[in-house]
Amino acid sequence: MSFVGSNEGKIRAEYVWIGNGIDGGDLRSKGRVLDRCETNPEKLPEWNYDGSSTNQATGDNSDIIIKPRAVFRDPFRGPKDILVMCDSYMHDGVTPIPTNSRAPAKRIFDQGLEHAPWFGIEQEYIMFRSDGKTPLGFPTGGGFPRPQGPYYCAVGHENINYVGRQVVEEHFELCLLAGVKIGGINAEVCPGQWEFQVGPVEGIFMGDHLWMARYILQRVGEKHGVVISFDPKPIQEWSGSGGHTNFSTKAMREDGGLKVIEDACIKFGRHVEEHIKAYGYGNERRLTGLHETQCLTKYSWGVADRGSSIRIPRQTQIDGRGYLEDRRPAANMDPYLVTSIIFKNSTL
């Protein structure tokens, strides 16, 4: 038997891009076949999608151009297949669409590459059953489980939902296979609530890695019939979900860096409203002053204080150098926005 053509050497590339950017989970993707495996995003072809179907363009001018920005291994397919993180542009291929937060963030980071900003983000989320209403670990007929306390970093059937554990472990493994800089995982204070950490990653690439980690998590959720929620406060009576952002510059990591960190905390106090606007939709439901948060209308910083806006780790104080943690970002925050505003208002 003879074949007309051959697919030898061809690979599958899944192009991923951000939708509305509001809820932290609106990611879109579509796949294509390429003639060879390519890991340099600048050598990958641009593509397009129908922006009128994602509420990012009108039907009479619907083509949105997507440009490859970061390449990861595709852990769902073959060993040479890839995931491609993209950002989106108008039909001219030059003008970023309004929801493209990567382009302006990169302009900010490009102004201070010598500062070598590092980020680590603690991404909290809650898993719901397929109805999208009942968190894993909550009674199926309504009501609440035991009060929070035994669930954080817990083990045991009475504390941890097995399906949730499967999702978490599979996501952990697939991120490692993909090349996402995932750093760890842990169960959080609400049943069905978990956290993964990404970092340290430098500058603009923090956003690429976190968005791709979210994409992989949602793909795993599909498999197990679980809905992933990045909402800051999906259950009013329980702790919300944050996106705590750890940050340092080269000067902060060197001897004498504690003074640089303290200066940054003072600078942040001059831009409170700007930061809060960029830190996630619906975050006012989470930043109430309860459940280890500072009130939305207040700003504070301190050493080892988890009720403050900015926490300086105790070890950073002891060493005289290190990093700070901005505890205000919500779970649904856009990491491009958050990392660039932290860098700009502390350093530039």
Protein backbone atom coordinates (compact mmCIF):
# COMPACT_ATOMS: atom_id res chain seq x y z
CA MET A 1 0.00 0.00 0.00
CA SER A 2 1.32 3.43 -0.88
CA PHE A 3 0.43 6.75 0.69
CA VAL A 4 0.03 10.10 -1.05
CA GLY A 5 1.95 12.02 1.57
CA SER A 6 3.93 11.56 4.76
CA ASN A 7 3.50 13.09 8.20
CA GLU A 8 6.99 12.15 9.29
CA GLY A 9 8.60 14.87 11.37
CA LYS A 10 5.41 16.88 11.81
CA ILE A 11 4.35 18.01 15.28
CA ARG A 12 1.25 19.42 16.92
CA ALA A 13 1.30 22.93 18.38
CA GLU A 14 -1.47 24.14 20.68
CA TYR A 15 -1.66 27.94 20.58
CA VAL A 16 -2.96 29.38 23.89
CA TRP A 17 -4.14 32.94 24.49
CA ILE A 18 -6.03 34.98 27.10
CA GLY A 19 -9.72 35.78 26.70
CA ASN A 20 -11.28 38.54 28.80
CA GLY A 21 -8.53 38.37 31.43
CA ILE A 22 -11.02 39.09 34.23
CA ASP A 23 -11.65 35.78 35.93
CA GLY A 24 -8.16 34.26 35.68
CA GLY A 25 -9.50 31.25 33.86
CA ASP A 26 -10.64 32.56 30.49
CA LEU A 27 -8.01 30.91 28.36
CA ARG A 28 -8.60 29.85 24.78
CA SER A 29 -6.60 27.52 22.55
CA LYS A 30 -6.56 25.78 19.20
CA GLY A 31 -4.14 23.36 17.60
CA ARG A 32 -2.28 23.15 14.33
CA VAL A 33 0.27 20.94 12.60
CA LEU A 34 3.78 22.26 11.98
CA ASP A 35 6.49 20.77 9.77
CA ARG A 36 9.01 20.49 12.61
CA CYS A 37 9.45 21.04 16.32
CA GLU A 38 10.49 24.61 17.11
CA THR A 39 11.24 25.88 20.62
CA ASN A 40 12.09 29.49 19.69
CA PRO A 41 8.81 31.46 19.74
CA GLU A 42 10.23 34.03 17.31
CA LYS A 43 10.53 31.32 14.65
CA LEU A 44 6.97 30.06 15.05
CA PRO A 45 4.31 31.36 12.66
CA GLU A 46 1.78 33.94 13.78
CA TRP A 47 -1.84 32.84 13.64
CA ASN A 48 -5.29 34.33 14.10
CA TYR A 49 -8.68 33.66 15.67
CA ASP A 50 -12.22 34.97 15.48
CA GLY A 51 -12.31 37.75 18.06
CA SER A 52 -16.05 38.22 17.65
CA SER A 53 -16.55 34.80 19.26
CA THR A 54 -14.51 35.78 22.33
CA ASN A 55 -16.04 39.28 22.74
CA GLN A 56 -12.74 40.85 21.74
CA ALA A 57 -13.75 42.14 18.30
CA THR A 58 -16.81 42.92 16.18
CA GLY A 59 -18.09 40.60 13.50
CA ASP A 60 -17.30 43.00 10.67
CA ASN A 61 -13.60 43.11 11.62
CA SER A 62 -13.12 39.95 13.63
CA ASP A 63 -9.59 38.71 12.87
CA ILE A 64 -7.29 38.89 15.89
CA ILE A 65 -3.60 38.13 15.33
CA ILE A 66 -1.81 35.97 17.92
CA LYS A 67 1.96 36.05 18.27
CA PRO A 68 3.95 33.25 19.95
CA ARG A 69 5.79 34.44 23.07
CA ALA A 70 6.77 31.33 25.04
CA VAL A 71 7.02 27.64 24.19
CA PHE A 72 6.43 24.71 26.55
CA ARG A 73 6.39 20.97 26.01
CA ASP A 74 2.87 19.62 25.54
CA PRO A 75 2.45 17.07 28.36
CA PHE A 76 -0.89 15.87 26.96
CA ARG A 77 0.42 14.78 23.54
CA GLY A 78 3.63 13.45 22.04
CA PRO A 79 7.19 14.14 23.20
CA LYS A 80 7.85 16.67 20.42
CA ASP A 81 4.49 18.46 20.54
CA ILE A 82 4.36 21.94 22.07
CA LEU A 83 2.16 24.43 23.91
CA VAL A 84 2.58 28.01 22.69
CA MET A 85 1.68 30.98 24.91
CA CYS A 86 0.62 33.90 22.73
CA ASP A 87 -0.55 37.48 23.03
CA SER A 88 -3.15 39.17 20.82
CA TYR A 89 -3.12 42.06 18.35
CA MET A 90 -5.51 43.94 16.11
CA HIS A 91 -5.71 43.03 12.42
CA ASP A 92 -2.69 45.26 11.68
CA GLY A 93 -0.54 42.87 13.74
CA VAL A 94 0.99 45.83 15.59
CA THR A 95 -1.63 47.30 17.92
CA PRO A 96 -2.27 45.21 21.07
CA ILE A 97 -5.95 44.54 21.70
CA PRO A 98 -7.29 46.08 24.96
CA THR A 99 -7.07 42.77 26.84
CA ASN A 100 -3.45 42.22 25.83
CA SER A 101 -1.71 43.01 29.12
CA ARG A 102 1.55 41.37 28.14
CA ALA A 103 2.64 44.01 25.63
CA PRO A 104 2.51 46.99 28.05
CA ALA A 105 4.02 44.86 30.83
CA LYS A 106 6.98 43.99 28.63
CA ARG A 107 7.57 47.67 27.89
CA ILE A 108 7.81 48.30 31.62
CA PHE A 109 10.21 45.44 32.27
CA ASP A 110 12.37 46.43 29.30
CA GLN A 111 13.09 49.76 31.03
CA GLY A 112 14.94 48.05 33.86
CA LEU A 113 16.36 44.72 32.78
CA GLU A 114 19.50 45.38 34.82
CA HIS A 115 17.45 45.07 38.01
CA ALA A 116 16.76 41.36 37.29
CA PRO A 117 13.34 41.21 38.98
CA TRP A 118 12.34 37.79 40.26
CA PHE A 119 8.79 36.73 41.04
CA GLY A 120 7.12 33.79 42.72
CA ILE A 121 3.33 33.58 42.74
CA GLU A 122 1.22 31.50 45.13
CA GLN A 123 -1.86 30.57 43.09
CA GLU A 124 -4.86 29.54 45.18
CA TYR A 125 -8.00 28.06 43.64
CA ILE A 126 -11.07 26.05 44.61
CA MET A 127 -12.34 22.95 42.83
CA PHE A 128 -16.08 22.53 42.36
CA ARG A 129 -18.08 19.51 41.31
CA SER A 130 -19.35 19.53 37.74
CA ASP A 131 -22.41 21.57 38.81
CA GLY A 132 -20.07 24.50 39.41
CA LYS A 133 -21.78 25.16 42.75
CA THR A 134 -20.60 22.53 45.24
CA PRO A 135 -16.94 22.65 46.31
CA LEU A 136 -15.19 19.30 46.57
CA GLY A 137 -15.46 18.20 50.18
CA PHE A 138 -18.75 20.02 50.83
CA PRO A 139 -21.94 18.00 51.44
CA THR A 140 -23.70 17.28 48.13
CA GLY A 141 -27.11 18.06 49.59
CA GLY A 142 -26.12 21.54 50.75
CA GLY A 143 -24.75 22.93 53.98
CA PHE A 144 -21.18 23.10 55.20
CA PRO A 145 -18.47 20.69 56.38
CA ARG A 146 -16.63 21.07 59.67
CA PRO A 147 -15.22 24.59 60.26
CA GLN A 148 -11.88 25.42 58.71
CA GLY A 149 -8.83 24.25 60.60
CA PRO A 150 -8.15 20.60 59.73
CA TYR A 151 -7.88 21.06 55.95
CA TYR A 152 -4.70 23.13 55.53
CA CYS A 153 -1.82 20.91 54.33
CA ALA A 154 -3.98 17.99 55.45
CA VAL A 155 -4.11 14.28 54.71
CA GLY A 156 -6.84 11.72 55.26
CA HIS A 157 -10.22 10.96 53.71
CA GLU A 158 -12.04 13.05 56.29
CA ASN A 159 -10.10 16.14 55.16
CA ILE A 160 -9.13 15.66 51.52
CA ASN A 161 -11.35 14.76 48.56
CA TYR A 162 -9.67 12.00 46.55
CA VAL A 163 -10.70 13.39 43.15
CA GLY A 164 -9.23 16.72 44.16
CA ARG A 165 -5.99 15.06 45.18
CA GLN A 166 -5.82 13.36 41.76
CA VAL A 167 -6.26 16.69 39.99
CA VAL A 168 -3.57 18.34 42.08
CA GLU A 169 -0.99 15.57 41.66
CA GLU A 170 -1.60 15.24 37.94
CA HIS A 171 -1.31 19.00 37.47
CA PHE A 172 1.94 19.02 39.45
CA GLU A 173 3.43 16.29 37.27
CA LEU A 174 2.28 17.77 33.95
CA CYS A 175 3.65 21.22 34.79
CA LEU A 176 7.04 19.66 35.47
CA LEU A 177 6.88 17.78 32.15
CA ALA A 178 5.85 20.95 30.31
CA GLY A 179 8.73 22.99 31.70
CA VAL A 180 6.52 25.29 33.75
CA LYS A 181 8.53 26.57 36.74
CA ILE A 182 6.19 25.11 39.32
CA GLY A 183 7.68 25.12 42.79
CA GLY A 184 5.24 23.28 45.01
CA ILE A 185 1.67 22.47 46.05
CA ASN A 186 -0.37 22.34 49.24
CA ALA A 187 -3.95 21.95 50.42
CA GLU A 188 -5.47 25.19 51.69
CA VAL A 189 -7.83 26.12 54.52
CA CYS A 190 -11.14 25.45 52.74
CA PRO A 191 -12.18 21.97 51.56
CA GLY A 192 -11.52 21.70 47.84
CA GLN A 193 -9.11 24.64 47.98
CA TRP A 194 -5.49 24.13 46.94
CA GLU A 195 -2.47 26.19 46.04
CA PHE A 196 0.42 25.79 43.66
CA GLN A 197 3.47 28.00 43.49
CA VAL A 198 5.28 29.13 40.36
CA GLY A 199 8.73 30.67 40.46
CA PRO A 200 11.19 32.09 40.77
CA VAL A 201 10.80 33.42 37.23
CA GLU A 202 12.34 36.62 35.94
CA GLY A 203 10.36 39.59 34.64
CA ILE A 204 7.79 39.20 31.88
CA PHE A 205 8.18 35.42 31.81
CA MET A 206 6.44 35.06 35.18
CA GLY A 207 3.15 35.79 33.45
CA ASP A 208 3.85 33.24 30.69
CA HIS A 209 4.51 30.49 33.21
CA LEU A 210 1.55 31.24 35.46
CA TRP A 211 -0.97 31.48 32.61
CA MET A 212 0.30 28.20 31.19
CA ALA A 213 0.05 26.56 34.62
CA ARG A 214 -3.58 27.71 34.78
CA TYR A 215 -4.20 26.30 31.31
CA ILE A 216 -2.79 22.91 32.27
CA LEU A 217 -4.84 22.89 35.48
CA GLN A 218 -8.07 23.50 33.61
CA ARG A 219 -7.24 20.76 31.12
CA VAL A 220 -6.75 18.35 34.02
CA GLY A 221 -10.04 19.52 35.50
CA GLU A 222 -11.77 18.58 32.23
CA LYS A 223 -10.52 15.02 32.57
CA HIS A 224 -11.80 14.59 36.12
CA GLY A 225 -15.09 16.47 35.76
CA VAL A 226 -13.95 19.27 38.08
CA VAL A 227 -14.59 23.01 37.63
CA ILE A 228 -11.63 25.20 38.58
CA SER A 229 -12.51 28.53 40.20
CA PHE A 230 -10.09 31.43 40.62
CA ASP A 231 -12.79 33.62 42.16
CA PRO A 232 -11.40 35.64 45.10
CA LYS A 233 -14.28 34.75 47.42
CA PRO A 234 -16.47 31.95 46.06
CA ILE A 235 -17.78 31.01 49.53
CA GLN A 236 -18.51 34.02 51.69
CA GLU A 237 -18.14 32.29 55.07
CA TRP A 238 -14.71 30.84 54.28
CA SER A 239 -11.27 32.15 53.44
CA GLY A 240 -10.92 33.51 49.94
CA SER A 241 -8.39 32.65 47.24
CA GLY A 242 -5.36 34.85 46.67
CA GLY A 243 -2.45 35.18 44.32
CA HIS A 244 0.22 36.27 46.79
CA THR A 245 3.16 37.65 44.83
CA ASN A 246 6.73 37.35 46.07
CA PHE A 247 9.18 39.83 44.59
CA SER A 248 12.82 40.80 44.67
CA THR A 249 15.33 42.69 42.60
CA LYS A 250 19.07 42.10 42.35
CA ALA A 251 19.65 44.85 44.93
CA MET A 252 17.15 43.28 47.34
CA ARG A 253 18.92 39.93 47.14
CA GLU A 254 22.35 41.38 47.86
CA ASP A 255 23.85 42.54 51.17
CA GLY A 256 21.96 45.55 52.45
CA GLY A 257 18.88 44.52 50.50
CA LEU A 258 16.54 44.86 53.48
CA LYS A 259 16.77 48.65 53.20
CA VAL A 260 15.84 48.42 49.51
CA ILE A 261 12.86 46.23 50.42
CA GLU A 262 11.69 48.67 53.11
CA ASP A 263 12.01 51.56 50.65
CA ALA A 264 9.86 49.62 48.18
CA CYS A 265 7.19 49.10 50.85
CA ILE A 266 7.10 52.85 51.48
CA LYS A 267 6.80 53.54 47.74
CA PHE A 268 3.89 51.09 47.42
CA GLY A 269 2.02 53.19 49.97
CA ARG A 270 1.92 56.05 47.45
CA HIS A 271 0.14 53.94 44.82
CA VAL A 272 -2.43 51.96 46.81
CA GLU A 273 -5.42 52.67 44.56
CA GLU A 274 -3.44 51.89 41.40
CA HIS A 275 -2.37 48.53 42.78
CA ILE A 276 -5.83 47.53 44.01
CA LYS A 277 -7.34 48.27 40.60
CA ALA A 278 -4.85 45.85 39.01
CA TYR A 279 -5.07 43.12 41.64
CA GLY A 280 -8.18 41.23 40.53
CA TYR A 281 -11.89 41.57 39.80
CA GLY A 282 -14.10 41.20 42.87
CA ASN A 283 -11.15 41.43 45.24
CA GLU A 284 -13.12 43.70 47.57
CA ARG A 285 -15.05 40.61 48.69
CA ARG A 286 -11.77 39.06 49.84
CA LEU A 287 -9.82 42.02 51.28
CA THR A 288 -12.02 42.53 54.32
CA GLY A 289 -9.44 42.55 57.11
CA LEU A 290 -10.43 38.99 58.03
CA HIS A 291 -8.86 35.62 57.19
CA GLU A 292 -5.28 36.94 57.12
CA THR A 293 -5.98 39.89 54.82
CA GLN A 294 -5.63 43.63 55.23
CA CYS A 295 -8.73 45.72 54.60
CA LEU A 296 -9.10 46.98 51.03
CA THR A 297 -9.04 50.63 52.15
CA LYS A 298 -5.93 50.31 54.30
CA TYR A 299 -2.26 49.80 53.55
CA SER A 300 0.35 48.33 55.89
CA TRP A 301 3.59 46.40 55.85
CA GLY A 302 5.49 44.47 58.47
CA VAL A 303 7.77 41.57 59.26
CA ALA A 304 6.04 38.16 59.39
CA ASP A 305 2.62 39.88 59.51
CA ARG A 306 0.12 37.92 57.42
CA GLY A 307 -2.58 40.45 58.17
CA SER A 308 -0.65 43.23 56.44
CA SER A 309 -0.70 44.32 52.81
CA ILE A 310 3.00 43.53 52.41
CA ARG A 311 4.78 40.87 54.44
CA ILE A 312 8.54 40.85 54.85
CA PRO A 313 9.55 37.27 55.77
CA ARG A 314 11.27 36.86 59.12
CA GLN A 315 14.25 35.21 57.42
CA THR A 316 14.65 38.25 55.16
CA GLN A 317 14.93 40.43 58.26
CA ILE A 318 17.45 38.05 59.82
CA ASP A 319 19.59 37.84 56.67
CA GLY A 320 19.30 41.54 55.88
CA ARG A 321 18.34 40.70 52.30
CA GLY A 322 15.79 38.64 50.39
CA TYR A 323 12.28 39.37 49.13
CA LEU A 324 8.86 40.76 50.02
CA GLU A 325 5.38 39.27 49.64
CA ASP A 326 2.47 41.36 48.35
CA ARG A 327 -0.56 39.62 49.85
CA ARG A 328 -3.20 41.75 48.12
CA PRO A 329 -3.48 40.19 44.64
CA ALA A 330 -6.53 37.97 44.17
CA ALA A 331 -6.49 34.47 42.70
CA ASN A 332 -7.97 35.76 39.43
CA MET A 333 -5.38 38.49 38.98
CA ASP A 334 -3.54 38.92 35.70
CA PRO A 335 0.14 38.17 36.46
CA TYR A 336 1.33 40.44 33.65
CA LEU A 337 -0.44 43.39 35.28
CA VAL A 338 0.54 42.53 38.85
CA THR A 339 4.23 41.85 38.26
CA SER A 340 4.76 44.91 36.08
CA ILE A 341 3.05 47.31 38.49
CA ILE A 342 5.01 45.92 41.44
CA PHE A 343 8.26 46.35 39.51
CA LYS A 344 7.40 49.83 38.22
CA ASN A 345 6.30 51.31 41.53
CA SER A 346 9.14 49.84 43.56
CA THR A 347 12.08 50.24 41.24
CA LEU A 348 11.68 52.51 38.20
